[in-house]
Amino acid sequence: MVLSTIPADIDLLFPPKELEQRRHKLKRLVQSPNSFFMDVGCFNITTVFSHSQTVVLWGMLSRGMGGTLFVQGCLNISTSFSRSETVVLCGSCSSVLCTPTGGKARLTEGTSFRKKSE
């Protein structure tokens, strides 16, 4: 039987943060969940009109050869749970933001997220 060893020179009252994050959520010094709420941004660009060549990559636009650029699209931010069990849709354009898996929700391409502050 192989036992995992913990270095003897760590402080048990104030353990390192990375050591606490590796532990099970119920065996930490202060119990805390692994899941979180997050803001999911929808960057679905529906229509691009231009008088010149335009490159559209992941919601970022670059103009070439001078000209006017008009963009119609969704830049909506929705709140989602990191382990949601249902498909999360954008409120304004109805595109899929994230899909459920067995554990954490999988974000679709073209979306970004940030953890919500407490």
PDB file of N, CA and C in Angstrom:
ATOM      1  N   MET A   1       0.850  -1.180   0.000  1.00  0.00           N
ATOM      2  CA  MET A   1       0.000   0.000   0.000  1.00  0.00           C
ATOM      3  C   MET A   1       0.892   1.239   0.000  1.00  0.00           C
ATOM      4  N   VAL A   2       0.646   2.131  -0.930  1.00  0.00           N
ATOM      5  CA  VAL A   2       1.457   3.333  -1.077  1.00  0.00           C
ATOM      6  C   VAL A   2       0.692   4.504  -0.482  1.00  0.00           C
ATOM      7  N   LEU A   3       1.309   5.207   0.435  1.00  0.00           N
ATOM      8  CA  LEU A   3       0.701   6.371   1.057  1.00  0.00           C
ATOM      9  C   LEU A   3       1.301   7.632   0.464  1.00  0.00           C
ATOM     10  N   SER A   4       0.454   8.607   0.187  1.00  0.00           N
ATOM     11  CA  SER A   4       0.988   9.876  -0.298  1.00  0.00           C
ATOM     12  C   SER A   4       1.544  10.649   0.888  1.00  0.00           C
ATOM     13  N   THR A   5       2.709  11.185   0.727  1.00  0.00           N
ATOM     14  CA  THR A   5       3.351  11.893   1.817  1.00  0.00           C
ATOM     15  C   THR A   5       3.204  13.387   1.629  1.00  0.00           C
ATOM     16  N   ILE A   6       3.031  14.063   2.734  1.00  0.00           N
ATOM     17  CA  ILE A   6       2.965  15.517   2.754  1.00  0.00           C
ATOM     18  C   ILE A   6       4.238  16.003   3.422  1.00  0.00           C
ATOM     19  N   PRO A   7       4.891  16.977   2.860  1.00  0.00           N
ATOM     20  CA  PRO A   7       6.117  17.475   3.498  1.00  0.00           C
ATOM     21  C   PRO A   7       5.837  17.916   4.930  1.00  0.00           C
ATOM     22  N   ALA A   8       6.771  17.629   5.821  1.00  0.00           N
ATOM     23  CA  ALA A   8       6.575  17.911   7.236  1.00  0.00           C
ATOM     24  C   ALA A   8       6.765  19.390   7.571  1.00  0.00           C
ATOM     25  N   ASP A   9       7.262  20.180   6.654  1.00  0.00           N
ATOM     26  CA  ASP A   9       7.549  21.573   6.967  1.00  0.00           C
ATOM     27  C   ASP A   9       6.446  22.537   6.527  1.00  0.00           C
ATOM     28  N   ILE A  10       5.218  22.059   6.297  1.00  0.00           N
ATOM     29  CA  ILE A  10       4.129  22.968   5.958  1.00  0.00           C
ATOM     30  C   ILE A  10       3.327  23.292   7.213  1.00  0.00           C
ATOM     31  N   ASP A  11       2.723  24.435   7.221  1.00  0.00           N
ATOM     32  CA  ASP A  11       1.918  24.874   8.341  1.00  0.00           C
ATOM     33  C   ASP A  11       0.510  24.308   8.177  1.00  0.00           C
ATOM     34  N   LEU A  12       0.030  23.552   9.147  1.00  0.00           N
ATOM     35  CA  LEU A  12      -1.290  22.927   9.041  1.00  0.00           C
ATOM     36  C   LEU A  12      -2.428  23.911   9.243  1.00  0.00           C
ATOM     37  N   LEU A  13      -2.178  25.013   9.934  1.00  0.00           N
ATOM     38  CA  LEU A  13      -3.229  26.011  10.117  1.00  0.00           C
ATOM     39  C   LEU A  13      -3.370  26.919   8.912  1.00  0.00           C
ATOM     40  N   PHE A  14      -2.280  27.138   8.194  1.00  0.00           N
ATOM     41  CA  PHE A  14      -2.295  27.993   7.002  1.00  0.00           C
ATOM     42  C   PHE A  14      -1.631  27.256   5.844  1.00  0.00           C
ATOM     43  N   PRO A  15      -2.307  26.242   5.281  1.00  0.00           N
ATOM     44  CA  PRO A  15      -1.682  25.474   4.198  1.00  0.00           C
ATOM     45  C   PRO A  15      -1.599  26.287   2.914  1.00  0.00           C
ATOM     46  N   PRO A  16      -0.696  25.936   2.008  1.00  0.00           N
ATOM     47  CA  PRO A  16      -0.597  26.649   0.730  1.00  0.00           C
ATOM     48  C   PRO A  16      -1.892  26.531  -0.076  1.00  0.00           C
ATOM     49  N   LYS A  17      -2.183  27.546  -0.845  1.00  0.00           N
ATOM     50  CA  LYS A  17      -3.428  27.603  -1.601  1.00  0.00           C
ATOM     51  C   LYS A  17      -3.541  26.470  -2.612  1.00  0.00           C
ATOM     52  N   GLU A  18      -2.443  26.144  -3.313  1.00  0.00           N
ATOM     53  CA  GLU A  18      -2.501  25.082  -4.316  1.00  0.00           C
ATOM     54  C   GLU A  18      -2.734  23.709  -3.689  1.00  0.00           C
ATOM     55  N   LEU A  19      -2.241  23.506  -2.458  1.00  0.00           N
ATOM     56  CA  LEU A  19      -2.492  22.253  -1.760  1.00  0.00           C
ATOM     57  C   LEU A  19      -3.964  22.144  -1.358  1.00  0.00           C
ATOM     58  N   GLU A  20      -4.563  23.243  -0.955  1.00  0.00           N
ATOM     59  CA  GLU A  20      -5.984  23.246  -0.567  1.00  0.00           C
ATOM     60  C   GLU A  20      -6.887  23.017  -1.774  1.00  0.00           C
ATOM     61  N   GLN A  21      -6.525  23.554  -2.939  1.00  0.00           N
ATOM     62  CA  GLN A  21      -7.366  23.390  -4.123  1.00  0.00           C
ATOM     63  C   GLN A  21      -7.356  21.954  -4.632  1.00  0.00           C
ATOM     64  N   ARG A  22      -6.280  21.210  -4.390  1.00  0.00           N
ATOM     65  CA  ARG A  22      -6.212  19.819  -4.840  1.00  0.00           C
ATOM     66  C   ARG A  22      -7.045  18.891  -3.977  1.00  0.00           C
ATOM     67  N   ARG A  23      -7.318  19.282  -2.742  1.00  0.00           N
ATOM     68  CA  ARG A  23      -8.090  18.434  -1.847  1.00  0.00           C
ATOM     69  C   ARG A  23      -9.554  18.385  -2.258  1.00  0.00           C
ATOM     70  N   HIS A  24     -10.243  17.363  -1.767  1.00  0.00           N
ATOM     71  CA  HIS A  24     -11.680  17.239  -2.006  1.00  0.00           C
ATOM     72  C   HIS A  24     -12.386  18.401  -1.337  1.00  0.00           C
ATOM     73  N   LYS A  25     -13.511  18.820  -1.896  1.00  0.00           N
ATOM     74  CA  LYS A  25     -14.191  20.022  -1.408  1.00  0.00           C
ATOM     75  C   LYS A  25     -14.661  19.892   0.038  1.00  0.00           C
ATOM     76  N   LEU A  26     -14.868  18.685   0.524  1.00  0.00           N
ATOM     77  CA  LEU A  26     -15.301  18.507   1.914  1.00  0.00           C
ATOM     78  C   LEU A  26     -14.140  18.281   2.873  1.00  0.00           C
ATOM     79  N   LYS A  27     -12.934  18.033   2.357  1.00  0.00           N
ATOM     80  CA  LYS A  27     -11.777  17.774   3.216  1.00  0.00           C
ATOM     81  C   LYS A  27     -10.847  18.971   3.328  1.00  0.00           C
ATOM     82  N   ARG A  28     -11.261  20.108   2.798  1.00  0.00           N
ATOM     83  CA  ARG A  28     -10.455  21.320   2.931  1.00  0.00           C
ATOM     84  C   ARG A  28     -10.581  21.871   4.339  1.00  0.00           C
ATOM     85  N   LEU A  29      -9.671  22.748   4.692  1.00  0.00           N
ATOM     86  CA  LEU A  29      -9.706  23.379   6.000  1.00  0.00           C
ATOM     87  C   LEU A  29     -11.003  24.154   6.188  1.00  0.00           C
ATOM     88  N   VAL A  30     -11.403  24.886   5.171  1.00  0.00           N
ATOM     89  CA  VAL A  30     -12.715  25.538   5.117  1.00  0.00           C
ATOM     90  C   VAL A  30     -13.409  24.995   3.878  1.00  0.00           C
ATOM     91  N   GLN A  31     -14.559  24.342   4.071  1.00  0.00           N
ATOM     92  CA  GLN A  31     -15.246  23.714   2.950  1.00  0.00           C
ATOM     93  C   GLN A  31     -15.701  24.770   1.952  1.00  0.00           C
ATOM     94  N   SER A  32     -15.471  24.506   0.670  1.00  0.00           N
ATOM     95  CA  SER A  32     -15.900  25.419  -0.383  1.00  0.00           C
ATOM     96  C   SER A  32     -16.192  24.617  -1.645  1.00  0.00           C
ATOM     97  N   PRO A  33     -17.196  25.019  -2.418  1.00  0.00           N
ATOM     98  CA  PRO A  33     -17.554  24.255  -3.618  1.00  0.00           C
ATOM     99  C   PRO A  33     -16.571  24.480  -4.763  1.00  0.00           C
ATOM    100  N   ASN A  34     -16.591  23.564  -5.716  1.00  0.00           N
ATOM    101  CA  ASN A  34     -15.754  23.684  -6.912  1.00  0.00           C
ATOM    102  C   ASN A  34     -16.482  24.434  -8.018  1.00  0.00           C
ATOM    103  N   SER A  35     -17.796  24.573  -7.923  1.00  0.00           N
ATOM    104  CA  SER A  35     -18.585  25.216  -8.966  1.00  0.00           C
ATOM    105  C   SER A  35     -18.712  26.713  -8.692  1.00  0.00           C
ATOM    106  N   PHE A  36     -19.162  27.451  -9.720  1.00  0.00           N
ATOM    107  CA  PHE A  36     -19.252  28.905  -9.600  1.00  0.00           C
ATOM    108  C   PHE A  36     -20.256  29.439 -10.614  1.00  0.00           C
ATOM    109  N   PHE A  37     -20.708  30.655 -10.413  1.00  0.00           N
ATOM    110  CA  PHE A  37     -21.526  31.350 -11.398  1.00  0.00           C
ATOM    111  C   PHE A  37     -20.586  32.146 -12.298  1.00  0.00           C
ATOM    112  N   MET A  38     -20.983  32.305 -13.558  1.00  0.00           N
ATOM    113  CA  MET A  38     -20.116  32.999 -14.493  1.00  0.00           C
ATOM    114  C   MET A  38     -20.935  33.845 -15.452  1.00  0.00           C
ATOM    115  N   ASP A  39     -20.310  34.903 -15.938  1.00  0.00           N
ATOM    116  CA  ASP A  39     -20.883  35.734 -16.996  1.00  0.00           C
ATOM    117  C   ASP A  39     -20.381  35.175 -18.324  1.00  0.00           C
ATOM    118  N   VAL A  40     -21.319  34.834 -19.216  1.00  0.00           N
ATOM    119  CA  VAL A  40     -20.960  34.289 -20.521  1.00  0.00           C
ATOM    120  C   VAL A  40     -21.298  35.335 -21.569  1.00  0.00           C
ATOM    121  N   GLY A  41     -20.318  35.717 -22.368  1.00  0.00           N
ATOM    122  CA  GLY A  41     -20.516  36.725 -23.394  1.00  0.00           C
ATOM    123  C   GLY A  41     -20.780  36.092 -24.744  1.00  0.00           C
ATOM    124  N   CYS A  42     -21.824  36.563 -25.413  1.00  0.00           N
ATOM    125  CA  CYS A  42     -22.171  36.090 -26.748  1.00  0.00           C
ATOM    126  C   CYS A  42     -21.612  37.093 -27.761  1.00  0.00           C
ATOM    127  N   PHE A  43     -20.733  36.632 -28.638  1.00  0.00           N
ATOM    128  CA  PHE A  43     -20.143  37.505 -29.643  1.00  0.00           C
ATOM    129  C   PHE A  43     -20.561  37.056 -31.028  1.00  0.00           C
ATOM    130  N   ASN A  44     -21.859  36.823 -31.196  1.00  0.00           N
ATOM    131  CA  ASN A  44     -22.405  36.364 -32.468  1.00  0.00           C
ATOM    132  C   ASN A  44     -22.582  37.562 -33.388  1.00  0.00           C
ATOM    133  N   ILE A  45     -21.732  37.678 -34.403  1.00  0.00           N
ATOM    134  CA  ILE A  45     -21.829  38.783 -35.359  1.00  0.00           C
ATOM    135  C   ILE A  45     -22.658  38.287 -36.534  1.00  0.00           C
ATOM    136  N   THR A  46     -23.801  38.932 -36.741  1.00  0.00           N
ATOM    137  CA  THR A  46     -24.734  38.439 -37.754  1.00  0.00           C
ATOM    138  C   THR A  46     -24.496  39.047 -39.120  1.00  0.00           C
ATOM    139  N   THR A  47     -24.230  40.338 -39.216  1.00  0.00           N
ATOM    140  CA  THR A  47     -24.118  40.988 -40.513  1.00  0.00           C
ATOM    141  C   THR A  47     -22.965  41.985 -40.494  1.00  0.00           C
ATOM    142  N   VAL A  48     -22.186  41.992 -41.541  1.00  0.00           N
ATOM    143  CA  VAL A  48     -21.102  42.958 -41.674  1.00  0.00           C
ATOM    144  C   VAL A  48     -21.249  43.639 -43.030  1.00  0.00           C
ATOM    145  N   PHE A  49     -21.329  44.970 -43.017  1.00  0.00           N
ATOM    146  CA  PHE A  49     -21.388  45.764 -44.241  1.00  0.00           C
ATOM    147  C   PHE A  49     -20.137  46.626 -44.283  1.00  0.00           C
ATOM    148  N   SER A  50     -19.517  46.702 -45.432  1.00  0.00           N
ATOM    149  CA  SER A  50     -18.316  47.512 -45.532  1.00  0.00           C
ATOM    150  C   SER A  50     -18.110  47.948 -46.973  1.00  0.00           C
ATOM    151  N   HIS A  51     -17.358  49.014 -47.120  1.00  0.00           N
ATOM    152  CA  HIS A  51     -16.975  49.488 -48.434  1.00  0.00           C
ATOM    153  C   HIS A  51     -15.586  48.996 -48.801  1.00  0.00           C
ATOM    154  N   SER A  52     -14.970  48.239 -47.902  1.00  0.00           N
ATOM    155  CA  SER A  52     -13.619  47.742 -48.161  1.00  0.00           C
ATOM    156  C   SER A  52     -13.511  46.317 -47.639  1.00  0.00           C
ATOM    157  N   GLN A  53     -12.317  45.767 -47.722  1.00  0.00           N
ATOM    158  CA  GLN A  53     -12.111  44.416 -47.225  1.00  0.00           C
ATOM    159  C   GLN A  53     -12.128  44.426 -45.701  1.00  0.00           C
ATOM    160  N   THR A  54     -12.849  43.475 -45.111  1.00  0.00           N
ATOM    161  CA  THR A  54     -12.966  43.402 -43.661  1.00  0.00           C
ATOM    162  C   THR A  54     -12.731  41.968 -43.211  1.00  0.00           C
ATOM    163  N   VAL A  55     -11.978  41.812 -42.150  1.00  0.00           N
ATOM    164  CA  VAL A  55     -11.726  40.502 -41.583  1.00  0.00           C
ATOM    165  C   VAL A  55     -12.407  40.449 -40.224  1.00  0.00           C
ATOM    166  N   VAL A  56     -13.224  39.402 -39.988  1.00  0.00           N
ATOM    167  CA  VAL A  56     -13.933  39.258 -38.727  1.00  0.00           C
ATOM    168  C   VAL A  56     -13.437  37.993 -38.052  1.00  0.00           C
ATOM    169  N   LEU A  57     -12.793  38.140 -36.905  1.00  0.00           N
ATOM    170  CA  LEU A  57     -12.298  37.005 -36.145  1.00  0.00           C
ATOM    171  C   LEU A  57     -12.704  37.143 -34.692  1.00  0.00           C
ATOM    172  N   TRP A  58     -13.539  36.249 -34.215  1.00  0.00           N
ATOM    173  CA  TRP A  58     -13.925  36.161 -32.811  1.00  0.00           C
ATOM    174  C   TRP A  58     -14.405  37.494 -32.257  1.00  0.00           C
ATOM    175  N   GLY A  59     -15.177  38.224 -33.009  1.00  0.00           N
ATOM    176  CA  GLY A  59     -15.731  39.480 -32.534  1.00  0.00           C
ATOM    177  C   GLY A  59     -14.793  40.654 -32.681  1.00  0.00           C
ATOM    178  N   MET A  60     -13.584  40.430 -33.187  1.00  0.00           N
ATOM    179  CA  MET A  60     -12.644  41.526 -33.372  1.00  0.00           C
ATOM    180  C   MET A  60     -12.631  41.895 -34.849  1.00  0.00           C
ATOM    181  N   LEU A  61     -12.664  43.138 -35.144  1.00  0.00           N
ATOM    182  CA  LEU A  61     -12.751  43.605 -36.522  1.00  0.00           C
ATOM    183  C   LEU A  61     -11.480  44.337 -36.913  1.00  0.00           C
ATOM    184  N   SER A  62     -11.031  44.104 -38.130  1.00  0.00           N
ATOM    185  CA  SER A  62      -9.915  44.890 -38.646  1.00  0.00           C
ATOM    186  C   SER A  62     -10.320  45.422 -40.006  1.00  0.00           C
ATOM    187  N   ARG A  63     -10.136  46.707 -40.198  1.00  0.00           N
ATOM    188  CA  ARG A  63     -10.519  47.337 -41.458  1.00  0.00           C
ATOM    189  C   ARG A  63      -9.311  47.488 -42.355  1.00  0.00           C
ATOM    190  N   GLY A  64      -9.585  47.443 -43.642  1.00  0.00           N
ATOM    191  CA  GLY A  64      -8.504  47.647 -44.596  1.00  0.00           C
ATOM    192  C   GLY A  64      -8.926  48.632 -45.665  1.00  0.00           C
ATOM    193  N   MET A  65      -8.007  49.372 -46.170  1.00  0.00           N
ATOM    194  CA  MET A  65      -8.214  50.291 -47.293  1.00  0.00           C
ATOM    195  C   MET A  65      -9.220  51.396 -46.993  1.00  0.00           C
ATOM    196  N   GLY A  66      -9.402  51.795 -45.763  1.00  0.00           N
ATOM    197  CA  GLY A  66     -10.284  52.912 -45.407  1.00  0.00           C
ATOM    198  C   GLY A  66     -11.702  52.737 -45.889  1.00  0.00           C
ATOM    199  N   GLY A  67     -12.661  53.026 -45.125  1.00  0.00           N
ATOM    200  CA  GLY A  67     -14.052  52.843 -45.490  1.00  0.00           C
ATOM    201  C   GLY A  67     -14.880  52.775 -44.230  1.00  0.00           C
ATOM    202  N   THR A  68     -16.171  52.834 -44.395  1.00  0.00           N
ATOM    203  CA  THR A  68     -17.057  52.812 -43.247  1.00  0.00           C
ATOM    204  C   THR A  68     -17.458  51.372 -42.952  1.00  0.00           C
ATOM    205  N   LEU A  69     -17.515  51.030 -41.678  1.00  0.00           N
ATOM    206  CA  LEU A  69     -17.829  49.676 -41.261  1.00  0.00           C
ATOM    207  C   LEU A  69     -19.052  49.709 -40.365  1.00  0.00           C
ATOM    208  N   PHE A  70     -20.060  48.942 -40.698  1.00  0.00           N
ATOM    209  CA  PHE A  70     -21.274  48.838 -39.893  1.00  0.00           C
ATOM    210  C   PHE A  70     -21.437  47.384 -39.481  1.00  0.00           C
ATOM    211  N   VAL A  71     -21.610  47.152 -38.179  1.00  0.00           N
ATOM    212  CA  VAL A  71     -21.735  45.789 -37.673  1.00  0.00           C
ATOM    213  C   VAL A  71     -23.045  45.674 -36.913  1.00  0.00           C
ATOM    214  N   GLN A  72     -23.823  44.655 -37.255  1.00  0.00           N
ATOM    215  CA  GLN A  72     -25.015  44.331 -36.487  1.00  0.00           C
ATOM    216  C   GLN A  72     -24.772  42.968 -35.877  1.00  0.00           C
ATOM    217  N   GLY A  73     -24.872  42.873 -34.586  1.00  0.00           N
ATOM    218  CA  GLY A  73     -24.635  41.592 -33.947  1.00  0.00           C
ATOM    219  C   GLY A  73     -25.034  41.632 -32.495  1.00  0.00           C
ATOM    220  N   CYS A  74     -24.827  40.526 -31.835  1.00  0.00           N
ATOM    221  CA  CYS A  74     -25.208  40.375 -30.433  1.00  0.00           C
ATOM    222  C   CYS A  74     -23.958  40.466 -29.569  1.00  0.00           C
ATOM    223  N   LEU A  75     -23.958  41.349 -28.623  1.00  0.00           N
ATOM    224  CA  LEU A  75     -22.868  41.456 -27.653  1.00  0.00           C
ATOM    225  C   LEU A  75     -23.441  41.334 -26.251  1.00  0.00           C
ATOM    226  N   ASN A  76     -24.382  40.417 -26.091  1.00  0.00           N
ATOM    227  CA  ASN A  76     -25.110  40.246 -24.845  1.00  0.00           C
ATOM    228  C   ASN A  76     -24.299  39.420 -23.849  1.00  0.00           C
ATOM    229  N   ILE A  77     -24.469  39.694 -22.553  1.00  0.00           N
ATOM    230  CA  ILE A  77     -23.816  38.931 -21.490  1.00  0.00           C
ATOM    231  C   ILE A  77     -24.899  38.267 -20.657  1.00  0.00           C
ATOM    232  N   SER A  78     -24.794  36.947 -20.499  1.00  0.00           N
ATOM    233  CA  SER A  78     -25.758  36.166 -19.731  1.00  0.00           C
ATOM    234  C   SER A  78     -25.057  35.532 -18.540  1.00  0.00           C
ATOM    235  N   THR A  79     -25.817  35.247 -17.478  1.00  0.00           N
ATOM    236  CA  THR A  79     -25.273  34.585 -16.298  1.00  0.00           C
ATOM    237  C   THR A  79     -25.615  33.107 -16.365  1.00  0.00           C
ATOM    238  N   SER A  80     -24.629  32.268 -16.101  1.00  0.00           N
ATOM    239  CA  SER A  80     -24.814  30.824 -16.168  1.00  0.00           C
ATOM    240  C   SER A  80     -24.093  30.177 -14.990  1.00  0.00           C
ATOM    241  N   PHE A  81     -24.453  28.929 -14.705  1.00  0.00           N
ATOM    242  CA  PHE A  81     -23.807  28.149 -13.662  1.00  0.00           C
ATOM    243  C   PHE A  81     -22.759  27.264 -14.317  1.00  0.00           C
ATOM    244  N   SER A  82     -21.621  27.067 -13.671  1.00  0.00           N
ATOM    245  CA  SER A  82     -20.534  26.326 -14.301  1.00  0.00           C
ATOM    246  C   SER A  82     -20.877  24.857 -14.526  1.00  0.00           C
ATOM    247  N   ARG A  83     -21.810  24.319 -13.763  1.00  0.00           N
ATOM    248  CA  ARG A  83     -22.213  22.921 -13.928  1.00  0.00           C
ATOM    249  C   ARG A  83     -23.696  22.828 -14.262  1.00  0.00           C
ATOM    250  N   SER A  84     -24.139  23.662 -15.200  1.00  0.00           N
ATOM    251  CA  SER A  84     -25.554  23.691 -15.559  1.00  0.00           C
ATOM    252  C   SER A  84     -25.956  22.387 -16.247  1.00  0.00           C
ATOM    253  N   GLU A  85     -27.202  21.989 -16.037  1.00  0.00           N
ATOM    254  CA  GLU A  85     -27.708  20.737 -16.589  1.00  0.00           C
ATOM    255  C   GLU A  85     -28.623  20.959 -17.782  1.00  0.00           C
ATOM    256  N   THR A  86     -28.799  22.191 -18.199  1.00  0.00           N
ATOM    257  CA  THR A  86     -29.620  22.501 -19.362  1.00  0.00           C
ATOM    258  C   THR A  86     -28.806  23.340 -20.342  1.00  0.00           C
ATOM    259  N   VAL A  87     -29.257  23.397 -21.568  1.00  0.00           N
ATOM    260  CA  VAL A  87     -28.601  24.221 -22.583  1.00  0.00           C
ATOM    261  C   VAL A  87     -28.899  25.681 -22.272  1.00  0.00           C
ATOM    262  N   VAL A  88     -27.871  26.518 -22.272  1.00  0.00           N
ATOM    263  CA  VAL A  88     -28.037  27.943 -21.996  1.00  0.00           C
ATOM    264  C   VAL A  88     -28.047  28.689 -23.324  1.00  0.00           C
ATOM    265  N   LEU A  89     -29.119  29.461 -23.558  1.00  0.00           N
ATOM    266  CA  LEU A  89     -29.286  30.214 -24.792  1.00  0.00           C
ATOM    267  C   LEU A  89     -29.095  31.696 -24.533  1.00  0.00           C
ATOM    268  N   CYS A  90     -28.671  32.416 -25.560  1.00  0.00           N
ATOM    269  CA  CYS A  90     -28.557  33.867 -25.479  1.00  0.00           C
ATOM    270  C   CYS A  90     -29.968  34.457 -25.448  1.00  0.00           C
ATOM    271  N   GLY A  91     -30.177  35.468 -24.627  1.00  0.00           N
ATOM    272  CA  GLY A  91     -31.496  36.060 -24.490  1.00  0.00           C
ATOM    273  C   GLY A  91     -31.950  36.870 -25.678  1.00  0.00           C
ATOM    274  N   SER A  92     -31.013  37.409 -26.446  1.00  0.00           N
ATOM    275  CA  SER A  92     -31.420  38.270 -27.552  1.00  0.00           C
ATOM    276  C   SER A  92     -31.345  37.576 -28.918  1.00  0.00           C
ATOM    277  N   CYS A  93     -30.346  36.728 -29.145  1.00  0.00           N
ATOM    278  CA  CYS A  93     -30.226  36.115 -30.480  1.00  0.00           C
ATOM    279  C   CYS A  93     -30.523  34.617 -30.478  1.00  0.00           C
ATOM    280  N   SER A  94     -30.792  34.025 -29.339  1.00  0.00           N
ATOM    281  CA  SER A  94     -31.148  32.605 -29.188  1.00  0.00           C
ATOM    282  C   SER A  94     -30.077  31.647 -29.689  1.00  0.00           C
ATOM    283  N   SER A  95     -28.827  32.043 -29.678  1.00  0.00           N
ATOM    284  CA  SER A  95     -27.759  31.110 -30.023  1.00  0.00           C
ATOM    285  C   SER A  95     -27.338  30.355 -28.760  1.00  0.00           C
ATOM    286  N   VAL A  96     -26.777  29.172 -28.930  1.00  0.00           N
ATOM    287  CA  VAL A  96     -26.386  28.319 -27.810  1.00  0.00           C
ATOM    288  C   VAL A  96     -25.075  28.837 -27.227  1.00  0.00           C
ATOM    289  N   LEU A  97     -25.062  29.130 -25.920  1.00  0.00           N
ATOM    290  CA  LEU A  97     -23.852  29.610 -25.256  1.00  0.00           C
ATOM    291  C   LEU A  97     -23.056  28.470 -24.642  1.00  0.00           C
ATOM    292  N   CYS A  98     -23.731  27.548 -23.953  1.00  0.00           N
ATOM    293  CA  CYS A  98     -23.029  26.400 -23.391  1.00  0.00           C
ATOM    294  C   CYS A  98     -23.964  25.192 -23.335  1.00  0.00           C
ATOM    295  N   THR A  99     -23.371  24.017 -23.442  1.00  0.00           N
ATOM    296  CA  THR A  99     -24.117  22.769 -23.430  1.00  0.00           C
ATOM    297  C   THR A  99     -23.677  21.936 -22.239  1.00  0.00           C
ATOM    298  N   PRO A 100     -24.581  21.156 -21.656  1.00  0.00           N
ATOM    299  CA  PRO A 100     -24.215  20.353 -20.486  1.00  0.00           C
ATOM    300  C   PRO A 100     -23.408  19.128 -20.873  1.00  0.00           C
ATOM    301  N   THR A 101     -22.535  18.722 -19.980  1.00  0.00           N
ATOM    302  CA  THR A 101     -21.812  17.455 -20.095  1.00  0.00           C
ATOM    303  C   THR A 101     -22.077  16.715 -18.791  1.00  0.00           C
ATOM    304  N   GLY A 102     -21.328  15.697 -18.504  1.00  0.00           N
ATOM    305  CA  GLY A 102     -21.521  14.989 -17.250  1.00  0.00           C
ATOM    306  C   GLY A 102     -21.101  15.813 -16.043  1.00  0.00           C
ATOM    307  N   GLY A 103     -20.198  16.774 -16.232  1.00  0.00           N
ATOM    308  CA  GLY A 103     -19.703  17.602 -15.140  1.00  0.00           C
ATOM    309  C   GLY A 103     -19.911  19.068 -15.446  1.00  0.00           C
ATOM    310  N   LYS A 104     -18.830  19.744 -15.803  1.00  0.00           N
ATOM    311  CA  LYS A 104     -18.934  21.165 -16.116  1.00  0.00           C
ATOM    312  C   LYS A 104     -19.558  21.378 -17.486  1.00  0.00           C
ATOM    313  N   ALA A 105     -20.202  22.530 -17.656  1.00  0.00           N
ATOM    314  CA  ALA A 105     -20.817  22.869 -18.938  1.00  0.00           C
ATOM    315  C   ALA A 105     -19.725  23.227 -19.939  1.00  0.00           C
ATOM    316  N   ARG A 106     -19.929  22.865 -21.195  1.00  0.00           N
ATOM    317  CA  ARG A 106     -18.956  23.140 -22.254  1.00  0.00           C
ATOM    318  C   ARG A 106     -19.380  24.391 -23.012  1.00  0.00           C
ATOM    319  N   LEU A 107     -18.494  25.378 -23.072  1.00  0.00           N
ATOM    320  CA  LEU A 107     -18.784  26.605 -23.806  1.00  0.00           C
ATOM    321  C   LEU A 107     -18.655  26.355 -25.302  1.00  0.00           C
ATOM    322  N   THR A 108     -19.509  26.997 -26.085  1.00  0.00           N
ATOM    323  CA  THR A 108     -19.408  26.874 -27.530  1.00  0.00           C
ATOM    324  C   THR A 108     -18.325  27.820 -28.043  1.00  0.00           C
ATOM    325  N   GLU A 109     -17.879  27.605 -29.261  1.00  0.00           N
ATOM    326  CA  GLU A 109     -16.848  28.453 -29.848  1.00  0.00           C
ATOM    327  C   GLU A 109     -17.394  29.856 -30.052  1.00  0.00           C
ATOM    328  N   GLY A 110     -16.570  30.833 -29.798  1.00  0.00           N
ATOM    329  CA  GLY A 110     -16.970  32.217 -29.982  1.00  0.00           C
ATOM    330  C   GLY A 110     -17.540  32.858 -28.728  1.00  0.00           C
ATOM    331  N   THR A 111     -17.604  32.118 -27.618  1.00  0.00           N
ATOM    332  CA  THR A 111     -18.072  32.694 -26.361  1.00  0.00           C
ATOM    333  C   THR A 111     -16.907  32.798 -25.397  1.00  0.00           C
ATOM    334  N   SER A 112     -17.029  33.685 -24.444  1.00  0.00           N
ATOM    335  CA  SER A 112     -16.015  33.812 -23.402  1.00  0.00           C
ATOM    336  C   SER A 112     -16.719  33.911 -22.063  1.00  0.00           C
ATOM    337  N   PHE A 113     -15.975  33.684 -20.988  1.00  0.00           N
ATOM    338  CA  PHE A 113     -16.587  33.740 -19.666  1.00  0.00           C
ATOM    339  C   PHE A 113     -15.641  34.377 -18.673  1.00  0.00           C
ATOM    340  N   ARG A 114     -16.219  34.805 -17.547  1.00  0.00           N
ATOM    341  CA  ARG A 114     -15.444  35.238 -16.380  1.00  0.00           C
ATOM    342  C   ARG A 114     -16.227  34.858 -15.147  1.00  0.00           C
ATOM    343  N   LYS A 115     -15.511  34.516 -14.087  1.00  0.00           N
ATOM    344  CA  LYS A 115     -16.173  34.160 -12.840  1.00  0.00           C
ATOM    345  C   LYS A 115     -16.812  35.391 -12.235  1.00  0.00           C
ATOM    346  N   LYS A 116     -18.016  35.217 -11.711  1.00  0.00           N
ATOM    347  CA  LYS A 116     -18.678  36.337 -11.053  1.00  0.00           C
ATOM    348  C   LYS A 116     -18.059  36.533  -9.685  1.00  0.00           C
ATOM    349  N   SER A 117     -17.925  37.773  -9.273  1.00  0.00           N
ATOM    350  CA  SER A 117     -17.398  38.049  -7.949  1.00  0.00           C
ATOM    351  C   SER A 117     -18.483  37.793  -6.921  1.00  0.00           C
ATOM    352  N   GLU A 118     -18.060  37.500  -5.719  1.00  0.00           N
ATOM    353  CA  GLU A 118     -19.009  37.151  -4.677  1.00  0.00           C
ATOM    354  C   GLU A 118     -19.674  38.312  -4.085  1.00  0.00           C
TER     355      GLU A 118
END
